[in-house]
Amino acid sequence: MDAIDFNSKIIEGYLGLLDNLSPSNKLDLIAKLTASVKSDLKLKKSSFKKAFGAFESSKSAEEIIEEIRESRVFNRQIESF
């Protein structure tokens, strides 16, 4: 079964459940779904923007460089012929 077919079957199932709701309840549900989608889009945009920017640290550049150098691991093994 395709993902598209599966998703459309899920949507049809939900629509079958929602047929019994009153028009005012359906409108309320639409408003809540719209608000949910808008908040999801805002979170997605803000999380993308948070991925960029300056690195912040209380350490000096020299301390950071030293920490990076100390964390290096060399496991190179030279085999003799």
PDB file of N, CA and C in Angstrom:
ATOM      1  N   MET A   1       0.847  -1.178   0.000  1.00  0.00           N
ATOM      2  CA  MET A   1       0.000   0.000   0.000  1.00  0.00           C
ATOM      3  C   MET A   1       0.891   1.240   0.000  1.00  0.00           C
ATOM      4  N   ASP A   2       0.595   2.170  -0.869  1.00  0.00           N
ATOM      5  CA  ASP A   2       1.340   3.424  -0.953  1.00  0.00           C
ATOM      6  C   ASP A   2       1.105   4.277   0.284  1.00  0.00           C
ATOM      7  N   ALA A   3       2.063   5.129   0.575  1.00  0.00           N
ATOM      8  CA  ALA A   3       1.904   6.047   1.709  1.00  0.00           C
ATOM      9  C   ALA A   3       0.747   7.005   1.444  1.00  0.00           C
ATOM     10  N   ILE A   4       0.588   7.400   0.183  1.00  0.00           N
ATOM     11  CA  ILE A   4      -0.494   8.326  -0.164  1.00  0.00           C
ATOM     12  C   ILE A   4      -1.842   7.657   0.045  1.00  0.00           C
ATOM     13  N   ASP A   5      -1.960   6.394  -0.375  1.00  0.00           N
ATOM     14  CA  ASP A   5      -3.215   5.661  -0.170  1.00  0.00           C
ATOM     15  C   ASP A   5      -3.503   5.485   1.314  1.00  0.00           C
ATOM     16  N   PHE A   6      -2.466   5.176   2.087  1.00  0.00           N
ATOM     17  CA  PHE A   6      -2.627   4.987   3.522  1.00  0.00           C
ATOM     18  C   PHE A   6      -3.081   6.282   4.182  1.00  0.00           C
ATOM     19  N   ASN A   7      -2.450   7.406   3.816  1.00  0.00           N
ATOM     20  CA  ASN A   7      -2.826   8.700   4.397  1.00  0.00           C
ATOM     21  C   ASN A   7      -4.249   9.082   4.013  1.00  0.00           C
ATOM     22  N   SER A   8      -4.631   8.825   2.771  1.00  0.00           N
ATOM     23  CA  SER A   8      -5.991   9.178   2.360  1.00  0.00           C
ATOM     24  C   SER A   8      -7.012   8.315   3.084  1.00  0.00           C
ATOM     25  N   LYS A   9      -6.686   7.052   3.379  1.00  0.00           N
ATOM     26  CA  LYS A   9      -7.603   6.198   4.135  1.00  0.00           C
ATOM     27  C   LYS A   9      -7.760   6.700   5.573  1.00  0.00           C
ATOM     28  N   ILE A  10      -6.661   7.173   6.150  1.00  0.00           N
ATOM     29  CA  ILE A  10      -6.732   7.739   7.505  1.00  0.00           C
ATOM     30  C   ILE A  10      -7.622   8.978   7.510  1.00  0.00           C
ATOM     31  N   ILE A  11      -7.436   9.838   6.518  1.00  0.00           N
ATOM     32  CA  ILE A  11      -8.246  11.063   6.424  1.00  0.00           C
ATOM     33  C   ILE A  11      -9.714  10.715   6.244  1.00  0.00           C
ATOM     34  N   GLU A  12     -10.001   9.749   5.390  1.00  0.00           N
ATOM     35  CA  GLU A  12     -11.394   9.337   5.192  1.00  0.00           C
ATOM     36  C   GLU A  12     -11.995   8.784   6.486  1.00  0.00           C
ATOM     37  N   GLY A  13     -11.192   8.060   7.253  1.00  0.00           N
ATOM     38  CA  GLY A  13     -11.674   7.548   8.537  1.00  0.00           C
ATOM     39  C   GLY A  13     -12.035   8.665   9.501  1.00  0.00           C
ATOM     40  N   TYR A  14     -11.170   9.680   9.553  1.00  0.00           N
ATOM     41  CA  TYR A  14     -11.464  10.830  10.420  1.00  0.00           C
ATOM     42  C   TYR A  14     -12.711  11.570   9.946  1.00  0.00           C
ATOM     43  N   LEU A  15     -12.846  11.723   8.636  1.00  0.00           N
ATOM     44  CA  LEU A  15     -14.032  12.411   8.116  1.00  0.00           C
ATOM     45  C   LEU A  15     -15.308  11.652   8.470  1.00  0.00           C
ATOM     46  N   GLY A  16     -15.230  10.335   8.450  1.00  0.00           N
ATOM     47  CA  GLY A  16     -16.394   9.538   8.844  1.00  0.00           C
ATOM     48  C   GLY A  16     -16.771   9.785  10.295  1.00  0.00           C
ATOM     49  N   LEU A  17     -15.762   9.951  11.159  1.00  0.00           N
ATOM     50  CA  LEU A  17     -16.041  10.239  12.568  1.00  0.00           C
ATOM     51  C   LEU A  17     -16.615  11.641  12.762  1.00  0.00           C
ATOM     52  N   LEU A  18     -16.171  12.568  11.923  1.00  0.00           N
ATOM     53  CA  LEU A  18     -16.573  13.960  12.097  1.00  0.00           C
ATOM     54  C   LEU A  18     -17.921  14.285  11.470  1.00  0.00           C
ATOM     55  N   ASP A  19     -18.477  13.379  10.683  1.00  0.00           N
ATOM     56  CA  ASP A  19     -19.772  13.632  10.042  1.00  0.00           C
ATOM     57  C   ASP A  19     -20.882  13.880  11.048  1.00  0.00           C
ATOM     58  N   ASN A  20     -20.789  13.299  12.219  1.00  0.00           N
ATOM     59  CA  ASN A  20     -21.855  13.426  13.214  1.00  0.00           C
ATOM     60  C   ASN A  20     -21.757  14.702  14.039  1.00  0.00           C
ATOM     61  N   LEU A  21     -20.701  15.478  13.872  1.00  0.00           N
ATOM     62  CA  LEU A  21     -20.565  16.722  14.635  1.00  0.00           C
ATOM     63  C   LEU A  21     -21.490  17.802  14.089  1.00  0.00           C
ATOM     64  N   SER A  22     -21.871  18.702  14.976  1.00  0.00           N
ATOM     65  CA  SER A  22     -22.695  19.835  14.551  1.00  0.00           C
ATOM     66  C   SER A  22     -21.819  20.823  13.781  1.00  0.00           C
ATOM     67  N   PRO A  23     -22.433  21.678  12.967  1.00  0.00           N
ATOM     68  CA  PRO A  23     -21.639  22.654  12.205  1.00  0.00           C
ATOM     69  C   PRO A  23     -20.789  23.566  13.096  1.00  0.00           C
ATOM     70  N   SER A  24     -21.301  23.947  14.267  1.00  0.00           N
ATOM     71  CA  SER A  24     -20.513  24.820  15.142  1.00  0.00           C
ATOM     72  C   SER A  24     -19.295  24.072  15.701  1.00  0.00           C
ATOM     73  N   ASN A  25     -19.479  22.796  16.005  1.00  0.00           N
ATOM     74  CA  ASN A  25     -18.344  21.998  16.473  1.00  0.00           C
ATOM     75  C   ASN A  25     -17.310  21.807  15.364  1.00  0.00           C
ATOM     76  N   LYS A  26     -17.781  21.626  14.140  1.00  0.00           N
ATOM     77  CA  LYS A  26     -16.858  21.484  13.006  1.00  0.00           C
ATOM     78  C   LYS A  26     -16.054  22.764  12.803  1.00  0.00           C
ATOM     79  N   LEU A  27     -16.716  23.919  12.915  1.00  0.00           N
ATOM     80  CA  LEU A  27     -16.014  25.191  12.769  1.00  0.00           C
ATOM     81  C   LEU A  27     -14.990  25.392  13.881  1.00  0.00           C
ATOM     82  N   ASP A  28     -15.354  24.986  15.101  1.00  0.00           N
ATOM     83  CA  ASP A  28     -14.426  25.072  16.226  1.00  0.00           C
ATOM     84  C   ASP A  28     -13.206  24.173  15.982  1.00  0.00           C
ATOM     85  N   LEU A  29     -13.451  22.989  15.466  1.00  0.00           N
ATOM     86  CA  LEU A  29     -12.364  22.073  15.145  1.00  0.00           C
ATOM     87  C   LEU A  29     -11.457  22.641  14.060  1.00  0.00           C
ATOM     88  N   ILE A  30     -12.052  23.257  13.054  1.00  0.00           N
ATOM     89  CA  ILE A  30     -11.263  23.888  11.988  1.00  0.00           C
ATOM     90  C   ILE A  30     -10.377  24.981  12.555  1.00  0.00           C
ATOM     91  N   ALA A  31     -10.923  25.801  13.454  1.00  0.00           N
ATOM     92  CA  ALA A  31     -10.145  26.881  14.057  1.00  0.00           C
ATOM     93  C   ALA A  31      -8.981  26.328  14.869  1.00  0.00           C
ATOM     94  N   LYS A  32      -9.220  25.269  15.618  1.00  0.00           N
ATOM     95  CA  LYS A  32      -8.164  24.682  16.435  1.00  0.00           C
ATOM     96  C   LYS A  32      -7.088  24.024  15.565  1.00  0.00           C
ATOM     97  N   LEU A  33      -7.500  23.355  14.498  1.00  0.00           N
ATOM     98  CA  LEU A  33      -6.523  22.758  13.585  1.00  0.00           C
ATOM     99  C   LEU A  33      -5.680  23.828  12.900  1.00  0.00           C
ATOM    100  N   THR A  34      -6.312  24.925  12.516  1.00  0.00           N
ATOM    101  CA  THR A  34      -5.587  26.026  11.886  1.00  0.00           C
ATOM    102  C   THR A  34      -4.557  26.610  12.840  1.00  0.00           C
ATOM    103  N   ALA A  35      -4.951  26.821  14.081  1.00  0.00           N
ATOM    104  CA  ALA A  35      -4.014  27.347  15.085  1.00  0.00           C
ATOM    105  C   ALA A  35      -2.863  26.370  15.315  1.00  0.00           C
ATOM    106  N   SER A  36      -3.162  25.092  15.322  1.00  0.00           N
ATOM    107  CA  SER A  36      -2.130  24.079  15.516  1.00  0.00           C
ATOM    108  C   SER A  36      -1.119  24.088  14.370  1.00  0.00           C
ATOM    109  N   VAL A  37      -1.609  24.193  13.149  1.00  0.00           N
ATOM    110  CA  VAL A  37      -0.716  24.219  11.980  1.00  0.00           C
ATOM    111  C   VAL A  37       0.140  25.474  12.000  1.00  0.00           C
ATOM    112  N   LYS A  38      -0.458  26.608  12.360  1.00  0.00           N
ATOM    113  CA  LYS A  38       0.314  27.850  12.406  1.00  0.00           C
ATOM    114  C   LYS A  38       1.412  27.785  13.455  1.00  0.00           C
ATOM    115  N   SER A  39       1.119  27.205  14.619  1.00  0.00           N
ATOM    116  CA  SER A  39       2.153  27.103  15.662  1.00  0.00           C
ATOM    117  C   SER A  39       3.251  26.132  15.229  1.00  0.00           C
ATOM    118  N   ASP A  40       2.876  25.054  14.530  1.00  0.00           N
ATOM    119  CA  ASP A  40       3.887  24.119  14.016  1.00  0.00           C
ATOM    120  C   ASP A  40       4.814  24.807  13.025  1.00  0.00           C
ATOM    121  N   LEU A  41       4.258  25.644  12.163  1.00  0.00           N
ATOM    122  CA  LEU A  41       5.075  26.353  11.168  1.00  0.00           C
ATOM    123  C   LEU A  41       6.014  27.348  11.839  1.00  0.00           C
ATOM    124  N   LYS A  42       5.525  28.035  12.889  1.00  0.00           N
ATOM    125  CA  LYS A  42       6.372  28.987  13.602  1.00  0.00           C
ATOM    126  C   LYS A  42       7.530  28.275  14.291  1.00  0.00           C
ATOM    127  N   LEU A  43       7.253  27.128  14.916  1.00  0.00           N
ATOM    128  CA  LEU A  43       8.312  26.368  15.573  1.00  0.00           C
ATOM    129  C   LEU A  43       9.350  25.880  14.570  1.00  0.00           C
ATOM    130  N   LYS A  44       8.880  25.471  13.407  1.00  0.00           N
ATOM    131  CA  LYS A  44       9.793  24.980  12.375  1.00  0.00           C
ATOM    132  C   LYS A  44      10.706  26.106  11.895  1.00  0.00           C
ATOM    133  N   LYS A  45      10.134  27.300  11.686  1.00  0.00           N
ATOM    134  CA  LYS A  45      10.942  28.438  11.234  1.00  0.00           C
ATOM    135  C   LYS A  45      11.928  28.871  12.305  1.00  0.00           C
ATOM    136  N   SER A  46      11.486  28.919  13.558  1.00  0.00           N
ATOM    137  CA  SER A  46      12.376  29.392  14.612  1.00  0.00           C
ATOM    138  C   SER A  46      13.492  28.395  14.879  1.00  0.00           C
ATOM    139  N   SER A  47      13.195  27.098  14.789  1.00  0.00           N
ATOM    140  CA  SER A  47      14.255  26.117  15.008  1.00  0.00           C
ATOM    141  C   SER A  47      15.277  26.160  13.877  1.00  0.00           C
ATOM    142  N   PHE A  48      14.847  26.491  12.670  1.00  0.00           N
ATOM    143  CA  PHE A  48      15.788  26.634  11.551  1.00  0.00           C
ATOM    144  C   PHE A  48      16.700  27.834  11.788  1.00  0.00           C
ATOM    145  N   LYS A  49      16.132  28.931  12.254  1.00  0.00           N
ATOM    146  CA  LYS A  49      16.926  30.141  12.491  1.00  0.00           C
ATOM    147  C   LYS A  49      17.901  29.951  13.656  1.00  0.00           C
ATOM    148  N   LYS A  50      17.541  29.118  14.624  1.00  0.00           N
ATOM    149  CA  LYS A  50      18.425  28.881  15.765  1.00  0.00           C
ATOM    150  C   LYS A  50      19.676  28.111  15.368  1.00  0.00           C
ATOM    151  N   ALA A  51      19.645  27.476  14.212  1.00  0.00           N
ATOM    152  CA  ALA A  51      20.792  26.687  13.771  1.00  0.00           C
ATOM    153  C   ALA A  51      21.947  27.575  13.304  1.00  0.00           C
ATOM    154  N   PHE A  52      21.695  28.848  13.138  1.00  0.00           N
ATOM    155  CA  PHE A  52      22.714  29.773  12.659  1.00  0.00           C
ATOM    156  C   PHE A  52      23.037  30.806  13.736  1.00  0.00           C
ATOM    157  N   GLY A  53      24.204  31.380  13.639  1.00  0.00           N
ATOM    158  CA  GLY A  53      24.571  32.426  14.575  1.00  0.00           C
ATOM    159  C   GLY A  53      25.943  32.196  15.149  1.00  0.00           C
ATOM    160  N   ALA A  54      26.331  33.102  15.999  1.00  0.00           N
ATOM    161  CA  ALA A  54      27.666  33.060  16.591  1.00  0.00           C
ATOM    162  C   ALA A  54      27.719  32.016  17.700  1.00  0.00           C
ATOM    163  N   PHE A  55      28.881  31.418  17.854  1.00  0.00           N
ATOM    164  CA  PHE A  55      29.139  30.470  18.938  1.00  0.00           C
ATOM    165  C   PHE A  55      29.333  31.269  20.221  1.00  0.00           C
ATOM    166  N   GLU A  56      28.622  30.886  21.270  1.00  0.00           N
ATOM    167  CA  GLU A  56      28.723  31.593  22.529  1.00  0.00           C
ATOM    168  C   GLU A  56      29.373  30.701  23.568  1.00  0.00           C
ATOM    169  N   SER A  57      30.379  31.243  24.243  1.00  0.00           N
ATOM    170  CA  SER A  57      31.051  30.504  25.290  1.00  0.00           C
ATOM    171  C   SER A  57      31.716  31.486  26.244  1.00  0.00           C
ATOM    172  N   SER A  58      31.838  31.078  27.500  1.00  0.00           N
ATOM    173  CA  SER A  58      32.513  31.930  28.481  1.00  0.00           C
ATOM    174  C   SER A  58      34.022  31.694  28.465  1.00  0.00           C
ATOM    175  N   LYS A  59      34.454  30.672  27.720  1.00  0.00           N
ATOM    176  CA  LYS A  59      35.879  30.352  27.643  1.00  0.00           C
ATOM    177  C   LYS A  59      36.573  31.252  26.635  1.00  0.00           C
ATOM    178  N   SER A  60      37.866  31.446  26.844  1.00  0.00           N
ATOM    179  CA  SER A  60      38.643  32.227  25.880  1.00  0.00           C
ATOM    180  C   SER A  60      38.946  31.350  24.668  1.00  0.00           C
ATOM    181  N   ALA A  61      39.366  31.981  23.591  1.00  0.00           N
ATOM    182  CA  ALA A  61      39.695  31.249  22.370  1.00  0.00           C
ATOM    183  C   ALA A  61      40.817  30.256  22.621  1.00  0.00           C
ATOM    184  N   GLU A  62      41.791  30.655  23.404  1.00  0.00           N
ATOM    185  CA  GLU A  62      42.917  29.765  23.693  1.00  0.00           C
ATOM    186  C   GLU A  62      42.460  28.524  24.465  1.00  0.00           C
ATOM    187  N   GLU A  63      41.520  28.708  25.408  1.00  0.00           N
ATOM    188  CA  GLU A  63      41.011  27.580  26.177  1.00  0.00           C
ATOM    189  C   GLU A  63      40.241  26.608  25.284  1.00  0.00           C
ATOM    190  N   ILE A  64      39.470  27.154  24.373  1.00  0.00           N
ATOM    191  CA  ILE A  64      38.699  26.315  23.453  1.00  0.00           C
ATOM    192  C   ILE A  64      39.633  25.532  22.538  1.00  0.00           C
ATOM    193  N   ILE A  65      40.658  26.209  22.018  1.00  0.00           N
ATOM    194  CA  ILE A  65      41.628  25.540  21.144  1.00  0.00           C
ATOM    195  C   ILE A  65      42.331  24.420  21.896  1.00  0.00           C
ATOM    196  N   GLU A  66      42.744  24.699  23.113  1.00  0.00           N
ATOM    197  CA  GLU A  66      43.430  23.684  23.919  1.00  0.00           C
ATOM    198  C   GLU A  66      42.510  22.496  24.201  1.00  0.00           C
ATOM    199  N   GLU A  67      41.250  22.765  24.484  1.00  0.00           N
ATOM    200  CA  GLU A  67      40.285  21.696  24.743  1.00  0.00           C
ATOM    201  C   GLU A  67      40.093  20.819  23.509  1.00  0.00           C
ATOM    202  N   ILE A  68      40.031  21.438  22.359  1.00  0.00           N
ATOM    203  CA  ILE A  68      39.883  20.682  21.113  1.00  0.00           C
ATOM    204  C   ILE A  68      41.114  19.815  20.868  1.00  0.00           C
ATOM    205  N   ARG A  69      42.278  20.375  21.059  1.00  0.00           N
ATOM    206  CA  ARG A  69      43.517  19.620  20.839  1.00  0.00           C
ATOM    207  C   ARG A  69      43.645  18.454  21.811  1.00  0.00           C
ATOM    208  N   GLU A  70      43.227  18.646  23.059  1.00  0.00           N
ATOM    209  CA  GLU A  70      43.314  17.579  24.054  1.00  0.00           C
ATOM    210  C   GLU A  70      42.301  16.464  23.791  1.00  0.00           C
ATOM    211  N   SER A  71      41.221  16.792  23.130  1.00  0.00           N
ATOM    212  CA  SER A  71      40.190  15.785  22.889  1.00  0.00           C
ATOM    213  C   SER A  71      40.468  14.943  21.648  1.00  0.00           C
ATOM    214  N   ARG A  72      41.466  15.282  20.886  1.00  0.00           N
ATOM    215  CA  ARG A  72      41.804  14.514  19.689  1.00  0.00           C
ATOM    216  C   ARG A  72      42.323  13.137  20.076  1.00  0.00           C
ATOM    217  N   VAL A  73      41.916  12.165  19.309  1.00  0.00           N
ATOM    218  CA  VAL A  73      42.342  10.795  19.543  1.00  0.00           C
ATOM    219  C   VAL A  73      42.986  10.276  18.267  1.00  0.00           C
ATOM    220  N   PHE A  74      44.211   9.817  18.385  1.00  0.00           N
ATOM    221  CA  PHE A  74      44.921   9.256  17.241  1.00  0.00           C
ATOM    222  C   PHE A  74      45.050   7.758  17.450  1.00  0.00           C
ATOM    223  N   ASN A  75      44.500   7.010  16.542  1.00  0.00           N
ATOM    224  CA  ASN A  75      44.603   5.554  16.644  1.00  0.00           C
ATOM    225  C   ASN A  75      45.199   4.968  15.357  1.00  0.00           C
ATOM    226  N   ARG A  76      46.005   5.733  14.734  1.00  0.00           N
ATOM    227  CA  ARG A  76      46.638   5.309  13.496  1.00  0.00           C
ATOM    228  C   ARG A  76      47.738   4.302  13.800  1.00  0.00           C
ATOM    229  N   GLN A  77      47.662   3.187  13.159  1.00  0.00           N
ATOM    230  CA  GLN A  77      48.684   2.151  13.360  1.00  0.00           C
ATOM    231  C   GLN A  77      49.382   1.897  12.033  1.00  0.00           C
ATOM    232  N   ILE A  78      50.680   2.062  12.047  1.00  0.00           N
ATOM    233  CA  ILE A  78      51.461   1.850  10.831  1.00  0.00           C
ATOM    234  C   ILE A  78      51.970   0.406  10.849  1.00  0.00           C
ATOM    235  N   GLU A  79      51.592  -0.309   9.827  1.00  0.00           N
ATOM    236  CA  GLU A  79      52.006  -1.710   9.741  1.00  0.00           C
ATOM    237  C   GLU A  79      53.329  -1.827   9.004  1.00  0.00           C
ATOM    238  N   SER A  80      54.163  -2.678   9.498  1.00  0.00           N
ATOM    239  CA  SER A  80      55.455  -2.874   8.838  1.00  0.00           C
ATOM    240  C   SER A  80      55.293  -3.861   7.701  1.00  0.00           C
ATOM    241  N   PHE A  81      56.180  -3.754   6.707  1.00  0.00           N
ATOM    242  CA  PHE A  81      56.119  -4.632   5.546  1.00  0.00           C
ATOM    243  C   PHE A  81      56.956  -5.848   5.726  1.00  0.00           C
TER     244      PHE A  81
END
